[in-house]
Amino acid sequence: MATHSAINATGAVASVGDGSAGGSAGGGSAPGAEGARRVLAVLQAFSPQHHSLTARDLAESTGIPLPSMYRYIALLREMGLLVGDDRGSYHLSVRLISLARAAEAAEPIIEFADPVMRNLAVECGETVILVRLVARTPVCVHRVESAHHLRATFEPGQPLPLHRGASGRILLAGLAPHTRRDYLGPMVQGDPEVAASLEEAVVEAAKRGWAVSEEEIDRGVWAASAAVTDGRSIIAALTVPSPLVRAPRELQDNLLGQVRAAARELSELLRNARQP
């Protein structure tokens, strides 16, 4: 049985009930777009683990008042993007599948990454994921699954925590120091000691080009992640999450080496593709 990552999609969506803006790729927020931001927050509240939600569930996870939530649900149903059932729950429409496929097809890195990831999955016997930073959130953009019944499973499009896990540290390591401070600002205010420890770990990951984590996201899971670069900067993290029962300490160095070698291979492919 697969071990699914228990990450609530709201980790990628800022609370919008009070008019506060969520993060954007440029670190700012589009003015005058609160209604659109709320509608998108409703869609982003769904995940493979939370695929059917009531209006109250959606209101609680997004911070949108319940009366407003009913209006947004009505709009999304009218557009054919949400489907309701007789129990008062809602789920995403199959119309969104084509959008997901379009998004994946538009990621040019996947064309280069897929064969490298498949070879790595065969070599190490574990699931391999490619993670990129999207609007301040690490997102799994591609996955090659392990053949094992017991495996860590991440769905393409699934958000991961920015402040926990090996992938997040690698992606933070690719940011300019002032941008990283901006990203970590809320954590510094909430827990300066934890923020300082994370900053130290990120700096170390930047020097090494790799990071590991143990049970930071899922219990019983160890992960190795390595930086993927395009010759100029870190653009992704290549990560292998493995159940600890198959990644005891005596095998972790070997698994990390396999991940690093695959990341170097992918980085070389991307650098060559940029050359005229």
C-alpha atoms as a PDB file:
ATOM      1  CA  MET A   1       0.000   0.000   0.000  1.00  0.00           C
ATOM      2  CA  ALA A   2       1.310   3.424  -0.956  1.00  0.00           C
ATOM      3  CA  THR A   3       2.237   5.940   1.706  1.00  0.00           C
ATOM      4  CA  HIS A   4       0.662   9.216   0.621  1.00  0.00           C
ATOM      5  CA  SER A   5       2.103  12.531   1.682  1.00  0.00           C
ATOM      6  CA  ALA A   6      -0.326  14.136   4.116  1.00  0.00           C
ATOM      7  CA  ILE A   7       0.035  17.716   3.012  1.00  0.00           C
ATOM      8  CA  ASN A   8      -3.016  19.941   3.192  1.00  0.00           C
ATOM      9  CA  ALA A   9      -3.344  22.021   0.050  1.00  0.00           C
ATOM     10  CA  THR A  10      -3.898  25.084   2.195  1.00  0.00           C
ATOM     11  CA  GLY A  11      -0.160  25.057   2.814  1.00  0.00           C
ATOM     12  CA  ALA A  12       0.110  26.575  -0.637  1.00  0.00           C
ATOM     13  CA  VAL A  13      -2.722  29.064  -0.283  1.00  0.00           C
ATOM     14  CA  ALA A  14      -2.605  32.045   2.021  1.00  0.00           C
ATOM     15  CA  SER A  15      -5.719  32.757   4.058  1.00  0.00           C
ATOM     16  CA  VAL A  16      -7.806  35.147   2.003  1.00  0.00           C
ATOM     17  CA  GLY A  17     -10.697  35.826   4.303  1.00  0.00           C
ATOM     18  CA  ASP A  18      -9.246  39.097   5.544  1.00  0.00           C
ATOM     19  CA  GLY A  19      -8.128  40.353   2.160  1.00  0.00           C
ATOM     20  CA  SER A  20      -4.478  39.425   2.646  1.00  0.00           C
ATOM     21  CA  ALA A  21      -2.646  38.428  -0.491  1.00  0.00           C
ATOM     22  CA  GLY A  22      -1.047  35.121  -1.200  1.00  0.00           C
ATOM     23  CA  GLY A  23       2.486  34.872  -2.528  1.00  0.00           C
ATOM     24  CA  SER A  24       3.269  35.331  -6.177  1.00  0.00           C
ATOM     25  CA  ALA A  25       6.201  34.390  -8.300  1.00  0.00           C
ATOM     26  CA  GLY A  26       7.590  37.847  -7.967  1.00  0.00           C
ATOM     27  CA  GLY A  27       6.961  38.063  -4.237  1.00  0.00           C
ATOM     28  CA  GLY A  28       4.155  40.657  -4.617  1.00  0.00           C
ATOM     29  CA  SER A  29       0.417  40.478  -5.175  1.00  0.00           C
ATOM     30  CA  ALA A  30      -1.762  41.676  -8.024  1.00  0.00           C
ATOM     31  CA  PRO A  31      -3.840  44.680  -6.933  1.00  0.00           C
ATOM     32  CA  GLY A  32      -7.601  44.653  -7.392  1.00  0.00           C
ATOM     33  CA  ALA A  33      -7.806  40.882  -7.845  1.00  0.00           C
ATOM     34  CA  GLU A  34      -9.222  39.762  -4.505  1.00  0.00           C
ATOM     35  CA  GLY A  35     -12.281  38.063  -6.027  1.00  0.00           C
ATOM     36  CA  ALA A  36     -10.186  36.125  -8.512  1.00  0.00           C
ATOM     37  CA  ARG A  37      -7.716  35.226  -5.765  1.00  0.00           C
ATOM     38  CA  ARG A  38     -10.533  33.783  -3.669  1.00  0.00           C
ATOM     39  CA  VAL A  39     -11.901  31.698  -6.540  1.00  0.00           C
ATOM     40  CA  LEU A  40      -8.449  30.263  -7.176  1.00  0.00           C
ATOM     41  CA  ALA A  41      -8.040  29.560  -3.451  1.00  0.00           C
ATOM     42  CA  VAL A  42     -11.205  27.434  -3.589  1.00  0.00           C
ATOM     43  CA  LEU A  43      -9.789  25.329  -6.433  1.00  0.00           C
ATOM     44  CA  GLN A  44      -6.398  24.996  -4.724  1.00  0.00           C
ATOM     45  CA  ALA A  45      -8.014  23.716  -1.530  1.00  0.00           C
ATOM     46  CA  PHE A  46      -8.598  20.349  -3.223  1.00  0.00           C
ATOM     47  CA  SER A  47      -5.895  17.689  -3.279  1.00  0.00           C
ATOM     48  CA  PRO A  48      -5.641  13.912  -3.798  1.00  0.00           C
ATOM     49  CA  GLN A  49      -6.044  13.503  -0.038  1.00  0.00           C
ATOM     50  CA  HIS A  50      -8.906  16.035   0.170  1.00  0.00           C
ATOM     51  CA  HIS A  51     -10.779  15.461  -3.085  1.00  0.00           C
ATOM     52  CA  SER A  52     -14.314  15.922  -1.729  1.00  0.00           C
ATOM     53  CA  LEU A  53     -15.059  18.923   0.489  1.00  0.00           C
ATOM     54  CA  THR A  54     -18.159  20.605   1.846  1.00  0.00           C
ATOM     55  CA  ALA A  55     -18.725  24.347   1.685  1.00  0.00           C
ATOM     56  CA  ARG A  56     -17.823  24.563   5.371  1.00  0.00           C
ATOM     57  CA  ASP A  57     -14.599  22.587   4.764  1.00  0.00           C
ATOM     58  CA  LEU A  58     -13.673  24.999   1.997  1.00  0.00           C
ATOM     59  CA  ALA A  59     -14.491  28.048   4.111  1.00  0.00           C
ATOM     60  CA  GLU A  60     -12.328  26.781   6.983  1.00  0.00           C
ATOM     61  CA  SER A  61      -9.356  25.815   4.797  1.00  0.00           C
ATOM     62  CA  THR A  62      -9.290  29.083   2.825  1.00  0.00           C
ATOM     63  CA  GLY A  63     -10.457  31.584   5.442  1.00  0.00           C
ATOM     64  CA  ILE A  64     -13.287  32.722   3.154  1.00  0.00           C
ATOM     65  CA  PRO A  65     -16.573  33.474   4.987  1.00  0.00           C
ATOM     66  CA  LEU A  66     -19.219  30.803   4.419  1.00  0.00           C
ATOM     67  CA  PRO A  67     -21.793  33.097   2.698  1.00  0.00           C
ATOM     68  CA  SER A  68     -19.120  34.200   0.223  1.00  0.00           C
ATOM     69  CA  MET A  69     -18.015  30.600  -0.243  1.00  0.00           C
ATOM     70  CA  TYR A  70     -21.477  29.601  -1.445  1.00  0.00           C
ATOM     71  CA  ARG A  71     -21.279  32.321  -4.118  1.00  0.00           C
ATOM     72  CA  TYR A  72     -17.882  31.114  -5.312  1.00  0.00           C
ATOM     73  CA  ILE A  73     -19.085  27.516  -5.375  1.00  0.00           C
ATOM     74  CA  ALA A  74     -22.099  28.547  -7.466  1.00  0.00           C
ATOM     75  CA  LEU A  75     -19.807  30.336  -9.920  1.00  0.00           C
ATOM     76  CA  LEU A  76     -17.454  27.367 -10.236  1.00  0.00           C
ATOM     77  CA  ARG A  77     -20.372  24.973 -10.734  1.00  0.00           C
ATOM     78  CA  GLU A  78     -21.785  27.260 -13.406  1.00  0.00           C
ATOM     79  CA  MET A  79     -18.393  27.162 -15.167  1.00  0.00           C
ATOM     80  CA  GLY A  80     -18.342  23.366 -14.948  1.00  0.00           C
ATOM     81  CA  LEU A  81     -15.247  23.314 -12.741  1.00  0.00           C
ATOM     82  CA  LEU A  82     -16.914  21.980  -9.573  1.00  0.00           C
ATOM     83  CA  VAL A  83     -19.394  19.126  -9.208  1.00  0.00           C
ATOM     84  CA  GLY A  84     -21.715  18.666  -6.218  1.00  0.00           C
ATOM     85  CA  ASP A  85     -23.254  15.485  -4.827  1.00  0.00           C
ATOM     86  CA  ASP A  86     -26.369  14.706  -2.817  1.00  0.00           C
ATOM     87  CA  ARG A  87     -24.398  14.748   0.459  1.00  0.00           C
ATOM     88  CA  GLY A  88     -23.453  18.402   0.151  1.00  0.00           C
ATOM     89  CA  SER A  89     -19.863  17.743  -0.896  1.00  0.00           C
ATOM     90  CA  TYR A  90     -18.056  19.103  -3.922  1.00  0.00           C
ATOM     91  CA  HIS A  91     -15.202  17.851  -6.056  1.00  0.00           C
ATOM     92  CA  LEU A  92     -13.229  19.109  -9.023  1.00  0.00           C
ATOM     93  CA  SER A  93     -14.682  18.473 -12.466  1.00  0.00           C
ATOM     94  CA  VAL A  94     -12.923  16.274 -15.010  1.00  0.00           C
ATOM     95  CA  ARG A  95     -12.725  19.402 -17.164  1.00  0.00           C
ATOM     96  CA  LEU A  96      -9.660  20.332 -15.109  1.00  0.00           C
ATOM     97  CA  ILE A  97      -7.764  17.232 -16.263  1.00  0.00           C
ATOM     98  CA  SER A  98      -6.995  18.880 -19.594  1.00  0.00           C
ATOM     99  CA  LEU A  99      -5.615  21.912 -17.732  1.00  0.00           C
ATOM    100  CA  ALA A 100      -3.357  19.653 -15.686  1.00  0.00           C
ATOM    101  CA  ARG A 101      -2.089  17.974 -18.847  1.00  0.00           C
ATOM    102  CA  ALA A 102      -1.528  21.331 -20.493  1.00  0.00           C
ATOM    103  CA  ALA A 103       0.459  22.532 -17.476  1.00  0.00           C
ATOM    104  CA  GLU A 104       2.650  19.434 -17.522  1.00  0.00           C
ATOM    105  CA  ALA A 105       3.194  19.709 -21.274  1.00  0.00           C
ATOM    106  CA  ALA A 106       4.262  23.329 -20.846  1.00  0.00           C
ATOM    107  CA  GLU A 107       7.105  22.373 -18.468  1.00  0.00           C
ATOM    108  CA  PRO A 108      10.014  21.949 -20.913  1.00  0.00           C
ATOM    109  CA  ILE A 109      12.265  20.522 -18.196  1.00  0.00           C
ATOM    110  CA  ILE A 110      10.098  17.383 -18.019  1.00  0.00           C
ATOM    111  CA  GLU A 111      11.139  16.333 -21.527  1.00  0.00           C
ATOM    112  CA  PHE A 112      14.756  16.176 -20.356  1.00  0.00           C
ATOM    113  CA  ALA A 113      14.017  14.963 -16.832  1.00  0.00           C
ATOM    114  CA  ASP A 114      11.734  12.014 -17.576  1.00  0.00           C
ATOM    115  CA  PRO A 115      14.330   9.566 -18.979  1.00  0.00           C
ATOM    116  CA  VAL A 116      16.833  10.513 -16.264  1.00  0.00           C
ATOM    117  CA  MET A 117      14.195  10.008 -13.586  1.00  0.00           C
ATOM    118  CA  ARG A 118      13.118   6.658 -15.025  1.00  0.00           C
ATOM    119  CA  ASN A 119      16.693   5.406 -15.045  1.00  0.00           C
ATOM    120  CA  LEU A 120      17.145   6.584 -11.448  1.00  0.00           C
ATOM    121  CA  ALA A 121      13.918   4.883 -10.352  1.00  0.00           C
ATOM    122  CA  VAL A 122      15.135   1.608 -11.837  1.00  0.00           C
ATOM    123  CA  GLU A 123      18.589   2.028 -10.312  1.00  0.00           C
ATOM    124  CA  CYS A 124      17.462   2.830  -6.771  1.00  0.00           C
ATOM    125  CA  GLY A 125      14.051   1.136  -6.770  1.00  0.00           C
ATOM    126  CA  GLU A 126      12.291   4.165  -5.301  1.00  0.00           C
ATOM    127  CA  THR A 127       9.881   6.869  -6.421  1.00  0.00           C
ATOM    128  CA  VAL A 128      11.596   9.890  -7.995  1.00  0.00           C
ATOM    129  CA  ILE A 129      10.057  13.373  -8.022  1.00  0.00           C
ATOM    130  CA  LEU A 130      11.029  16.652  -9.640  1.00  0.00           C
ATOM    131  CA  VAL A 131      10.154  19.711  -7.556  1.00  0.00           C
ATOM    132  CA  ARG A 132      10.078  23.349  -8.636  1.00  0.00           C
ATOM    133  CA  LEU A 133       9.291  26.566  -6.807  1.00  0.00           C
ATOM    134  CA  VAL A 134       5.932  27.999  -7.909  1.00  0.00           C
ATOM    135  CA  ALA A 135       4.653  31.184  -6.241  1.00  0.00           C
ATOM    136  CA  ARG A 136       6.679  30.558  -3.062  1.00  0.00           C
ATOM    137  CA  THR A 137       5.583  26.934  -2.876  1.00  0.00           C
ATOM    138  CA  PRO A 138       7.589  23.821  -3.799  1.00  0.00           C
ATOM    139  CA  VAL A 139       5.444  21.846  -6.238  1.00  0.00           C
ATOM    140  CA  CYS A 140       5.938  18.334  -7.576  1.00  0.00           C
ATOM    141  CA  VAL A 141       5.930  18.853 -11.356  1.00  0.00           C
ATOM    142  CA  HIS A 142       6.812  15.303 -12.416  1.00  0.00           C
ATOM    143  CA  ARG A 143       6.965  11.876 -10.831  1.00  0.00           C
ATOM    144  CA  VAL A 144       8.166   8.397 -11.675  1.00  0.00           C
ATOM    145  CA  GLU A 145       6.765   5.895  -9.209  1.00  0.00           C
ATOM    146  CA  SER A 146       8.467   2.955  -7.589  1.00  0.00           C
ATOM    147  CA  ALA A 147       7.124  -0.534  -8.286  1.00  0.00           C
ATOM    148  CA  HIS A 148       7.042  -1.272  -4.544  1.00  0.00           C
ATOM    149  CA  HIS A 149       3.636  -1.493  -2.867  1.00  0.00           C
ATOM    150  CA  LEU A 150       5.037   0.454   0.089  1.00  0.00           C
ATOM    151  CA  ARG A 151       6.253   3.759  -1.326  1.00  0.00           C
ATOM    152  CA  ALA A 152       6.121   7.475  -0.764  1.00  0.00           C
ATOM    153  CA  THR A 153       3.707   8.954  -3.278  1.00  0.00           C
ATOM    154  CA  PHE A 154       3.550  12.546  -4.444  1.00  0.00           C
ATOM    155  CA  GLU A 155       1.103  13.611  -7.134  1.00  0.00           C
ATOM    156  CA  PRO A 156       2.151  15.995  -9.926  1.00  0.00           C
ATOM    157  CA  GLY A 157       0.868  19.427  -8.945  1.00  0.00           C
ATOM    158  CA  GLN A 158       0.989  18.604  -5.243  1.00  0.00           C
ATOM    159  CA  PRO A 159       2.442  21.318  -3.008  1.00  0.00           C
ATOM    160  CA  LEU A 160       5.156  20.519  -0.486  1.00  0.00           C
ATOM    161  CA  PRO A 161       6.171  22.544   2.575  1.00  0.00           C
ATOM    162  CA  LEU A 162       8.772  25.226   1.913  1.00  0.00           C
ATOM    163  CA  HIS A 163      10.194  25.142   5.441  1.00  0.00           C
ATOM    164  CA  ARG A 164      10.460  21.363   5.824  1.00  0.00           C
ATOM    165  CA  GLY A 165      12.077  18.630   3.790  1.00  0.00           C
ATOM    166  CA  ALA A 166      15.116  18.266   1.573  1.00  0.00           C
ATOM    167  CA  SER A 167      13.416  19.614  -1.569  1.00  0.00           C
ATOM    168  CA  GLY A 168      12.466  22.865   0.149  1.00  0.00           C
ATOM    169  CA  ARG A 169      16.017  23.453   1.351  1.00  0.00           C
ATOM    170  CA  ILE A 170      17.439  22.937  -2.131  1.00  0.00           C
ATOM    171  CA  LEU A 171      14.949  25.365  -3.666  1.00  0.00           C
ATOM    172  CA  LEU A 172      15.557  27.945  -0.945  1.00  0.00           C
ATOM    173  CA  ALA A 173      19.280  27.552  -1.599  1.00  0.00           C
ATOM    174  CA  GLY A 174      18.688  28.696  -5.168  1.00  0.00           C
ATOM    175  CA  LEU A 175      17.220  32.036  -4.097  1.00  0.00           C
ATOM    176  CA  ALA A 176      19.160  35.253  -3.694  1.00  0.00           C
ATOM    177  CA  PRO A 177      19.766  35.992   0.022  1.00  0.00           C
ATOM    178  CA  HIS A 178      17.408  38.989   0.089  1.00  0.00           C
ATOM    179  CA  THR A 179      14.645  36.968  -1.601  1.00  0.00           C
ATOM    180  CA  ARG A 180      15.147  34.110   0.821  1.00  0.00           C
ATOM    181  CA  ARG A 181      14.880  36.506   3.771  1.00  0.00           C
ATOM    182  CA  ASP A 182      11.597  37.745   2.342  1.00  0.00           C
ATOM    183  CA  TYR A 183      10.298  34.195   1.996  1.00  0.00           C
ATOM    184  CA  LEU A 184      11.332  33.313   5.535  1.00  0.00           C
ATOM    185  CA  GLY A 185      10.109  36.584   7.064  1.00  0.00           C
ATOM    186  CA  PRO A 186       6.935  35.123   8.655  1.00  0.00           C
ATOM    187  CA  MET A 187       8.942  32.298  10.219  1.00  0.00           C
ATOM    188  CA  VAL A 188      11.519  34.725  11.640  1.00  0.00           C
ATOM    189  CA  GLN A 189       8.741  36.649  13.344  1.00  0.00           C
ATOM    190  CA  GLY A 190       7.110  33.488  14.679  1.00  0.00           C
ATOM    191  CA  ASP A 191      10.161  31.487  15.774  1.00  0.00           C
ATOM    192  CA  PRO A 192      13.539  33.193  15.249  1.00  0.00           C
ATOM    193  CA  GLU A 193      15.541  30.189  16.484  1.00  0.00           C
ATOM    194  CA  VAL A 194      13.888  27.793  14.019  1.00  0.00           C
ATOM    195  CA  ALA A 195      14.334  30.336  11.229  1.00  0.00           C
ATOM    196  CA  ALA A 196      18.029  30.723  12.037  1.00  0.00           C
ATOM    197  CA  SER A 197      18.484  26.947  12.056  1.00  0.00           C
ATOM    198  CA  LEU A 198      16.745  26.668   8.682  1.00  0.00           C
ATOM    199  CA  GLU A 199      18.874  29.460   7.223  1.00  0.00           C
ATOM    200  CA  GLU A 200      22.008  27.600   8.357  1.00  0.00           C
ATOM    201  CA  ALA A 201      20.752  24.376   6.763  1.00  0.00           C
ATOM    202  CA  VAL A 202      19.912  26.192   3.514  1.00  0.00           C
ATOM    203  CA  VAL A 203      23.370  27.787   3.315  1.00  0.00           C
ATOM    204  CA  GLU A 204      24.905  24.345   3.831  1.00  0.00           C
ATOM    205  CA  ALA A 205      22.670  22.895   1.088  1.00  0.00           C
ATOM    206  CA  ALA A 206      23.769  25.681  -1.253  1.00  0.00           C
ATOM    207  CA  LYS A 207      27.441  24.808  -0.658  1.00  0.00           C
ATOM    208  CA  ARG A 208      26.936  21.075  -1.091  1.00  0.00           C
ATOM    209  CA  GLY A 209      24.287  21.070  -3.826  1.00  0.00           C
ATOM    210  CA  TRP A 210      22.290  18.451  -1.941  1.00  0.00           C
ATOM    211  CA  ALA A 211      20.238  17.920   1.205  1.00  0.00           C
ATOM    212  CA  VAL A 212      18.642  15.071   3.114  1.00  0.00           C
ATOM    213  CA  SER A 213      15.715  14.909   5.521  1.00  0.00           C
ATOM    214  CA  GLU A 214      14.198  12.327   7.801  1.00  0.00           C
ATOM    215  CA  GLU A 215      10.521  12.272   8.786  1.00  0.00           C
ATOM    216  CA  GLU A 216      10.187  16.021   8.260  1.00  0.00           C
ATOM    217  CA  ILE A 217       7.102  15.693   6.040  1.00  0.00           C
ATOM    218  CA  ASP A 218       5.928  12.085   6.432  1.00  0.00           C
ATOM    219  CA  ARG A 219       6.579   9.677   9.265  1.00  0.00           C
ATOM    220  CA  GLY A 220       8.862   6.830   8.309  1.00  0.00           C
ATOM    221  CA  VAL A 221      10.225   8.553   5.201  1.00  0.00           C
ATOM    222  CA  TRP A 222      13.820   9.576   4.479  1.00  0.00           C
ATOM    223  CA  ALA A 223      14.570  11.752   1.439  1.00  0.00           C
ATOM    224  CA  ALA A 224      17.614  12.743  -0.579  1.00  0.00           C
ATOM    225  CA  SER A 225      17.478  15.779  -2.845  1.00  0.00           C
ATOM    226  CA  ALA A 226      20.002  17.315  -5.244  1.00  0.00           C
ATOM    227  CA  ALA A 227      20.060  20.602  -7.111  1.00  0.00           C
ATOM    228  CA  VAL A 228      19.230  20.715 -10.809  1.00  0.00           C
ATOM    229  CA  THR A 229      20.788  23.714 -12.544  1.00  0.00           C
ATOM    230  CA  ASP A 230      20.666  25.219 -16.020  1.00  0.00           C
ATOM    231  CA  GLY A 231      24.210  26.518 -15.869  1.00  0.00           C
ATOM    232  CA  ARG A 232      23.187  29.745 -14.168  1.00  0.00           C
ATOM    233  CA  SER A 233      21.039  28.886 -11.164  1.00  0.00           C
ATOM    234  CA  ILE A 234      19.123  26.167  -9.344  1.00  0.00           C
ATOM    235  CA  ILE A 235      15.857  25.583 -11.189  1.00  0.00           C
ATOM    236  CA  ALA A 236      14.595  22.388  -9.556  1.00  0.00           C
ATOM    237  CA  ALA A 237      15.218  19.731  -6.955  1.00  0.00           C
ATOM    238  CA  LEU A 238      15.524  16.075  -7.934  1.00  0.00           C
ATOM    239  CA  THR A 239      14.344  14.086  -4.948  1.00  0.00           C
ATOM    240  CA  VAL A 240      13.976  10.460  -3.910  1.00  0.00           C
ATOM    241  CA  PRO A 241      11.695   9.925  -0.892  1.00  0.00           C
ATOM    242  CA  SER A 242      12.182   6.429   0.507  1.00  0.00           C
ATOM    243  CA  PRO A 243      10.543   4.496   3.332  1.00  0.00           C
ATOM    244  CA  LEU A 244      13.067   4.226   6.156  1.00  0.00           C
ATOM    245  CA  VAL A 245      12.711   0.442   6.138  1.00  0.00           C
ATOM    246  CA  ARG A 246      14.455   0.469   2.749  1.00  0.00           C
ATOM    247  CA  ALA A 247      16.826   3.324   3.548  1.00  0.00           C
ATOM    248  CA  PRO A 248      18.717   2.413   6.714  1.00  0.00           C
ATOM    249  CA  ARG A 249      21.712   4.573   7.548  1.00  0.00           C
ATOM    250  CA  GLU A 250      24.198   2.183   5.959  1.00  0.00           C
ATOM    251  CA  LEU A 251      22.431   2.559   2.578  1.00  0.00           C
ATOM    252  CA  GLN A 252      21.695   6.290   2.666  1.00  0.00           C
ATOM    253  CA  ASP A 253      25.071   7.419   1.298  1.00  0.00           C
ATOM    254  CA  ASN A 254      24.658   5.143  -1.717  1.00  0.00           C
ATOM    255  CA  LEU A 255      21.133   6.420  -2.402  1.00  0.00           C
ATOM    256  CA  LEU A 256      22.278  10.024  -2.049  1.00  0.00           C
ATOM    257  CA  GLY A 257      25.102   9.361  -4.506  1.00  0.00           C
ATOM    258  CA  GLN A 258      22.642   7.996  -7.050  1.00  0.00           C
ATOM    259  CA  VAL A 259      20.433  11.069  -6.708  1.00  0.00           C
ATOM    260  CA  ARG A 260      23.389  13.455  -7.048  1.00  0.00           C
ATOM    261  CA  ALA A 261      24.660  11.648 -10.160  1.00  0.00           C
ATOM    262  CA  ALA A 262      21.212  11.833 -11.778  1.00  0.00           C
ATOM    263  CA  ALA A 263      20.897  15.533 -10.938  1.00  0.00           C
ATOM    264  CA  ARG A 264      24.309  16.192 -12.528  1.00  0.00           C
ATOM    265  CA  GLU A 265      23.235  14.303 -15.646  1.00  0.00           C
ATOM    266  CA  LEU A 266      20.010  16.280 -15.919  1.00  0.00           C
ATOM    267  CA  SER A 267      21.824  19.567 -15.306  1.00  0.00           C
ATOM    268  CA  GLU A 268      24.274  18.734 -18.091  1.00  0.00           C
ATOM    269  CA  LEU A 269      21.410  17.996 -20.490  1.00  0.00           C
ATOM    270  CA  LEU A 270      19.801  21.333 -19.663  1.00  0.00           C
ATOM    271  CA  ARG A 271      23.072  23.246 -20.082  1.00  0.00           C
ATOM    272  CA  ASN A 272      23.696  21.632 -23.466  1.00  0.00           C
ATOM    273  CA  ALA A 273      20.149  22.468 -24.567  1.00  0.00           C
ATOM    274  CA  ARG A 274      20.779  26.154 -23.849  1.00  0.00           C
ATOM    275  CA  GLN A 275      23.846  26.285 -26.050  1.00  0.00           C
ATOM    276  CA  PRO A 276      23.291  27.444 -29.667  1.00  0.00           C
END
